Amino acid sequence: MNKIALLNDAFRNTFRGGKVMMTIGVAELADCVKAEALRQVADFSEFTPENDPHGEHDFGSFDLVGRKFFWKIDLYEEPDVKDANGDPVVNRVLTIMLASEY
């Protein structure tokens, strides 16, 4: 597995090392549904060549309460900010949305 996939999995499994966002459609759902959606994202492991063609583990979907949900991890590089190794700092943002909002 490549480094990006490993880092995306670590972020998605713990929600540490980035930001987690929800679209308005998800934010308006009951707290128990949002909590289950977060669990579904953290536990997602159904990566296939069709839904993960680049092997980065940055997208998934699941069904919950009769609705289709998508989640996506985007990477934003800070080209002028370097980490201790001299590499550009990368910010991860995970967005959870209803498929109907896509």
N, C-alpha and C. Protein backbone atom coordinates (compact mmCIF):
# COMPACT_ATOMS: atom_id res chain seq x y z
N MET A 1 0.85 -1.18 0.00
CA MET A 1 0.00 0.00 0.00
C MET A 1 0.90 1.24 0.00
N ASN A 2 0.50 2.27 -0.75
CA ASN A 2 1.35 3.45 -0.84
C ASN A 2 1.20 4.37 0.38
N LYS A 3 2.13 5.31 0.51
CA LYS A 3 2.19 6.19 1.68
C LYS A 3 0.92 7.03 1.81
N ILE A 4 0.38 7.52 0.70
CA ILE A 4 -0.84 8.34 0.77
C ILE A 4 -1.99 7.51 1.33
N ALA A 5 -2.16 6.29 0.87
CA ALA A 5 -3.23 5.43 1.37
C ALA A 5 -3.07 5.17 2.86
N LEU A 6 -1.84 4.90 3.30
CA LEU A 6 -1.60 4.66 4.72
C LEU A 6 -1.94 5.88 5.56
N LEU A 7 -1.53 7.05 5.10
CA LEU A 7 -1.84 8.29 5.84
C LEU A 7 -3.33 8.60 5.81
N ASN A 8 -3.99 8.38 4.66
CA ASN A 8 -5.43 8.59 4.58
C ASN A 8 -6.18 7.64 5.51
N ASP A 9 -5.76 6.37 5.54
CA ASP A 9 -6.40 5.40 6.43
C ASP A 9 -6.22 5.80 7.89
N ALA A 10 -5.02 6.22 8.26
CA ALA A 10 -4.78 6.63 9.65
C ALA A 10 -5.67 7.81 10.03
N PHE A 11 -5.79 8.78 9.14
CA PHE A 11 -6.65 9.93 9.40
C PHE A 11 -8.11 9.50 9.49
N ARG A 12 -8.56 8.72 8.53
CA ARG A 12 -9.96 8.31 8.47
C ARG A 12 -10.34 7.43 9.66
N ASN A 13 -9.43 6.59 10.12
CA ASN A 13 -9.71 5.71 11.25
C ASN A 13 -9.76 6.42 12.59
N THR A 14 -9.03 7.54 12.71
CA THR A 14 -8.91 8.23 14.00
C THR A 14 -9.46 9.65 14.00
N PHE A 15 -9.62 10.21 12.79
CA PHE A 15 -10.00 11.62 12.61
C PHE A 15 -8.97 12.57 13.23
N ARG A 16 -7.73 12.09 13.31
CA ARG A 16 -6.61 12.92 13.77
C ARG A 16 -5.70 13.21 12.60
N GLY A 17 -5.18 14.42 12.54
CA GLY A 17 -4.26 14.77 11.47
C GLY A 17 -4.92 15.46 10.30
N GLY A 18 -6.10 16.01 10.52
CA GLY A 18 -6.81 16.73 9.46
C GLY A 18 -8.09 17.32 9.99
N LYS A 19 -8.93 17.74 9.08
CA LYS A 19 -10.23 18.32 9.44
C LYS A 19 -11.34 17.45 8.88
N VAL A 20 -12.42 17.31 9.64
CA VAL A 20 -13.60 16.58 9.19
C VAL A 20 -14.73 17.58 9.01
N MET A 21 -15.31 17.56 7.82
CA MET A 21 -16.39 18.49 7.48
C MET A 21 -17.63 17.68 7.10
N MET A 22 -18.81 18.29 7.28
CA MET A 22 -20.07 17.71 6.85
C MET A 22 -20.81 18.74 6.02
N THR A 23 -21.46 18.28 4.99
CA THR A 23 -22.32 19.18 4.23
C THR A 23 -23.54 19.53 5.08
N ILE A 24 -24.28 20.52 4.66
CA ILE A 24 -25.46 20.95 5.41
C ILE A 24 -26.48 19.83 5.54
N GLY A 25 -26.62 19.02 4.48
CA GLY A 25 -27.57 17.91 4.52
C GLY A 25 -27.24 16.90 5.60
N VAL A 26 -25.97 16.64 5.81
CA VAL A 26 -25.54 15.71 6.86
C VAL A 26 -25.64 16.39 8.22
N ALA A 27 -25.23 17.65 8.29
CA ALA A 27 -25.24 18.37 9.57
C ALA A 27 -26.65 18.49 10.14
N GLU A 28 -27.66 18.52 9.28
CA GLU A 28 -29.04 18.65 9.75
C GLU A 28 -29.66 17.34 10.22
N LEU A 29 -28.96 16.23 10.05
CA LEU A 29 -29.49 14.93 10.48
C LEU A 29 -29.38 14.80 12.00
N ALA A 30 -30.12 13.86 12.54
CA ALA A 30 -30.09 13.61 13.99
C ALA A 30 -28.66 13.24 14.42
N ASP A 31 -28.32 13.62 15.65
CA ASP A 31 -26.97 13.34 16.16
C ASP A 31 -26.61 11.86 16.08
N CYS A 32 -27.57 10.98 16.35
CA CYS A 32 -27.27 9.55 16.31
C CYS A 32 -26.95 9.09 14.89
N VAL A 33 -27.57 9.72 13.88
CA VAL A 33 -27.28 9.38 12.49
C VAL A 33 -25.89 9.90 12.11
N LYS A 34 -25.56 11.12 12.52
CA LYS A 34 -24.22 11.66 12.25
C LYS A 34 -23.16 10.80 12.91
N ALA A 35 -23.40 10.36 14.13
CA ALA A 35 -22.43 9.51 14.82
C ALA A 35 -22.23 8.20 14.07
N GLU A 36 -23.31 7.62 13.59
CA GLU A 36 -23.20 6.36 12.84
C GLU A 36 -22.50 6.60 11.50
N ALA A 37 -22.75 7.74 10.86
CA ALA A 37 -22.06 8.06 9.61
C ALA A 37 -20.55 8.15 9.84
N LEU A 38 -20.15 8.79 10.92
CA LEU A 38 -18.73 8.87 11.24
C LEU A 38 -18.14 7.49 11.48
N ARG A 39 -18.87 6.63 12.16
CA ARG A 39 -18.40 5.26 12.39
C ARG A 39 -18.27 4.51 11.07
N GLN A 40 -19.24 4.69 10.17
CA GLN A 40 -19.19 4.03 8.87
C GLN A 40 -17.94 4.47 8.08
N VAL A 41 -17.63 5.75 8.15
CA VAL A 41 -16.43 6.26 7.46
C VAL A 41 -15.18 5.66 8.08
N ALA A 42 -15.08 5.68 9.40
CA ALA A 42 -13.90 5.17 10.08
C ALA A 42 -13.68 3.68 9.82
N ASP A 43 -14.77 2.93 9.71
CA ASP A 43 -14.69 1.48 9.53
C ASP A 43 -14.63 1.04 8.07
N PHE A 44 -14.75 1.98 7.13
CA PHE A 44 -14.83 1.62 5.71
C PHE A 44 -13.57 0.88 5.27
N SER A 45 -13.77 -0.23 4.56
CA SER A 45 -12.63 -1.00 4.06
C SER A 45 -12.91 -1.63 2.70
N GLU A 46 -13.97 -1.25 2.06
CA GLU A 46 -14.40 -1.87 0.80
C GLU A 46 -13.77 -1.19 -0.41
N PHE A 47 -12.46 -1.02 -0.40
CA PHE A 47 -11.78 -0.39 -1.52
C PHE A 47 -11.60 -1.40 -2.65
N THR A 48 -11.96 -0.97 -3.84
CA THR A 48 -11.85 -1.80 -5.04
C THR A 48 -11.20 -0.97 -6.14
N PRO A 49 -10.76 -1.60 -7.21
CA PRO A 49 -10.23 -0.81 -8.34
C PRO A 49 -11.25 0.16 -8.92
N GLU A 50 -12.54 -0.16 -8.79
CA GLU A 50 -13.57 0.73 -9.32
C GLU A 50 -13.74 2.00 -8.46
N ASN A 51 -13.72 1.87 -7.14
CA ASN A 51 -13.94 3.05 -6.29
C ASN A 51 -12.64 3.66 -5.77
N ASP A 52 -11.50 3.02 -6.07
CA ASP A 52 -10.20 3.50 -5.60
C ASP A 52 -9.14 3.27 -6.68
N PRO A 53 -9.35 3.85 -7.87
CA PRO A 53 -8.47 3.53 -9.00
C PRO A 53 -7.01 3.92 -8.80
N HIS A 54 -6.74 4.90 -7.94
CA HIS A 54 -5.36 5.34 -7.72
C HIS A 54 -4.75 4.74 -6.45
N GLY A 55 -5.53 3.92 -5.74
CA GLY A 55 -5.03 3.25 -4.55
C GLY A 55 -4.73 4.18 -3.39
N GLU A 56 -5.45 5.30 -3.30
CA GLU A 56 -5.17 6.28 -2.25
C GLU A 56 -6.15 6.23 -1.08
N HIS A 57 -7.15 5.38 -1.15
CA HIS A 57 -8.14 5.25 -0.07
C HIS A 57 -8.73 6.62 0.31
N ASP A 58 -9.15 7.37 -0.72
CA ASP A 58 -9.63 8.73 -0.48
C ASP A 58 -11.11 8.94 -0.77
N PHE A 59 -11.86 7.86 -1.05
CA PHE A 59 -13.28 8.00 -1.36
C PHE A 59 -14.00 6.72 -0.97
N GLY A 60 -15.24 6.88 -0.51
CA GLY A 60 -16.08 5.73 -0.23
C GLY A 60 -17.53 6.12 -0.18
N SER A 61 -18.39 5.13 -0.15
CA SER A 61 -19.83 5.38 -0.04
C SER A 61 -20.44 4.28 0.82
N PHE A 62 -21.58 4.60 1.39
CA PHE A 62 -22.31 3.64 2.21
C PHE A 62 -23.76 4.09 2.29
N ASP A 63 -24.63 3.16 2.65
CA ASP A 63 -26.05 3.45 2.83
C ASP A 63 -26.36 3.48 4.32
N LEU A 64 -27.19 4.45 4.70
CA LEU A 64 -27.57 4.62 6.10
C LEU A 64 -28.93 5.31 6.14
N VAL A 65 -29.82 4.83 6.95
CA VAL A 65 -31.18 5.36 7.10
C VAL A 65 -31.84 5.63 5.74
N GLY A 66 -31.67 4.71 4.83
CA GLY A 66 -32.32 4.82 3.53
C GLY A 66 -31.72 5.85 2.59
N ARG A 67 -30.53 6.32 2.90
CA ARG A 67 -29.86 7.32 2.07
C ARG A 67 -28.46 6.85 1.72
N LYS A 68 -27.98 7.31 0.58
CA LYS A 68 -26.61 7.04 0.14
C LYS A 68 -25.73 8.19 0.60
N PHE A 69 -24.62 7.86 1.25
CA PHE A 69 -23.63 8.83 1.71
C PHE A 69 -22.34 8.64 0.93
N PHE A 70 -21.64 9.72 0.69
CA PHE A 70 -20.29 9.70 0.13
C PHE A 70 -19.36 10.34 1.15
N TRP A 71 -18.12 9.92 1.14
CA TRP A 71 -17.07 10.63 1.87
C TRP A 71 -15.87 10.75 0.95
N LYS A 72 -15.11 11.83 1.12
CA LYS A 72 -13.98 12.11 0.25
C LYS A 72 -12.90 12.79 1.07
N ILE A 73 -11.64 12.36 0.88
CA ILE A 73 -10.50 13.03 1.50
C ILE A 73 -9.79 13.82 0.41
N ASP A 74 -9.61 15.10 0.65
CA ASP A 74 -8.85 15.97 -0.25
C ASP A 74 -7.56 16.38 0.45
N LEU A 75 -6.51 16.51 -0.32
CA LEU A 75 -5.20 16.91 0.20
C LEU A 75 -4.88 18.31 -0.31
N TYR A 76 -4.47 19.16 0.61
CA TYR A 76 -4.09 20.53 0.28
C TYR A 76 -2.65 20.76 0.73
N GLU A 77 -1.77 20.92 -0.23
CA GLU A 77 -0.35 21.11 0.06
C GLU A 77 -0.07 22.57 0.37
N GLU A 78 0.74 22.78 1.39
CA GLU A 78 1.21 24.11 1.77
C GLU A 78 2.63 24.25 1.22
N PRO A 79 2.78 24.73 -0.01
CA PRO A 79 4.11 24.71 -0.64
C PRO A 79 5.17 25.54 0.07
N ASP A 80 4.78 26.56 0.81
CA ASP A 80 5.75 27.41 1.48
C ASP A 80 6.03 26.98 2.92
N VAL A 81 5.38 25.88 3.37
CA VAL A 81 5.57 25.39 4.73
C VAL A 81 6.16 23.99 4.65
N LYS A 82 7.27 23.77 5.33
CA LYS A 82 7.96 22.48 5.29
C LYS A 82 7.89 21.80 6.65
N ASP A 83 7.87 20.46 6.62
CA ASP A 83 7.91 19.71 7.87
C ASP A 83 9.38 19.49 8.28
N ALA A 84 9.60 18.71 9.32
CA ALA A 84 10.96 18.49 9.83
C ALA A 84 11.87 17.82 8.81
N ASN A 85 11.29 17.09 7.85
CA ASN A 85 12.07 16.42 6.81
C ASN A 85 12.31 17.29 5.59
N GLY A 86 11.75 18.52 5.61
CA GLY A 86 11.88 19.41 4.46
C GLY A 86 10.82 19.19 3.41
N ASP A 87 9.85 18.32 3.68
CA ASP A 87 8.76 18.07 2.74
C ASP A 87 7.64 19.09 2.96
N PRO A 88 6.89 19.42 1.89
CA PRO A 88 5.76 20.34 2.06
C PRO A 88 4.73 19.75 3.03
N VAL A 89 4.13 20.60 3.84
CA VAL A 89 3.07 20.18 4.75
C VAL A 89 1.80 19.96 3.94
N VAL A 90 1.12 18.83 4.21
CA VAL A 90 -0.13 18.49 3.52
C VAL A 90 -1.25 18.47 4.54
N ASN A 91 -2.32 19.21 4.26
CA ASN A 91 -3.51 19.22 5.11
C ASN A 91 -4.55 18.29 4.50
N ARG A 92 -5.12 17.43 5.33
CA ARG A 92 -6.17 16.52 4.90
C ARG A 92 -7.51 17.05 5.35
N VAL A 93 -8.49 17.01 4.44
CA VAL A 93 -9.86 17.41 4.75
C VAL A 93 -10.78 16.30 4.29
N LEU A 94 -11.52 15.73 5.23
CA LEU A 94 -12.49 14.68 4.94
C LEU A 94 -13.88 15.31 4.95
N THR A 95 -14.60 15.15 3.87
CA THR A 95 -15.96 15.69 3.77
C THR A 95 -16.94 14.53 3.68
N ILE A 96 -17.97 14.57 4.52
CA ILE A 96 -19.06 13.59 4.48
C ILE A 96 -20.27 14.30 3.90
N MET A 97 -20.90 13.68 2.90
CA MET A 97 -22.04 14.31 2.22
C MET A 97 -23.08 13.28 1.86
N LEU A 98 -24.28 13.76 1.63
CA LEU A 98 -25.31 12.92 1.04
C LEU A 98 -25.05 12.86 -0.46
N ALA A 99 -25.26 11.70 -1.05
CA ALA A 99 -25.04 11.56 -2.49
C ALA A 99 -25.88 12.55 -3.26
N SER A 100 -27.05 12.88 -2.75
CA SER A 100 -27.94 13.84 -3.44
C SER A 100 -27.37 15.25 -3.44
N GLU A 101 -26.37 15.52 -2.60
CA GLU A 101 -25.74 16.85 -2.57
C GLU A 101 -24.55 16.94 -3.51
N TYR A 102 -24.13 15.84 -4.09
CA TYR A 102 -22.95 15.83 -4.94
C TYR A 102 -23.21 16.55 -6.24
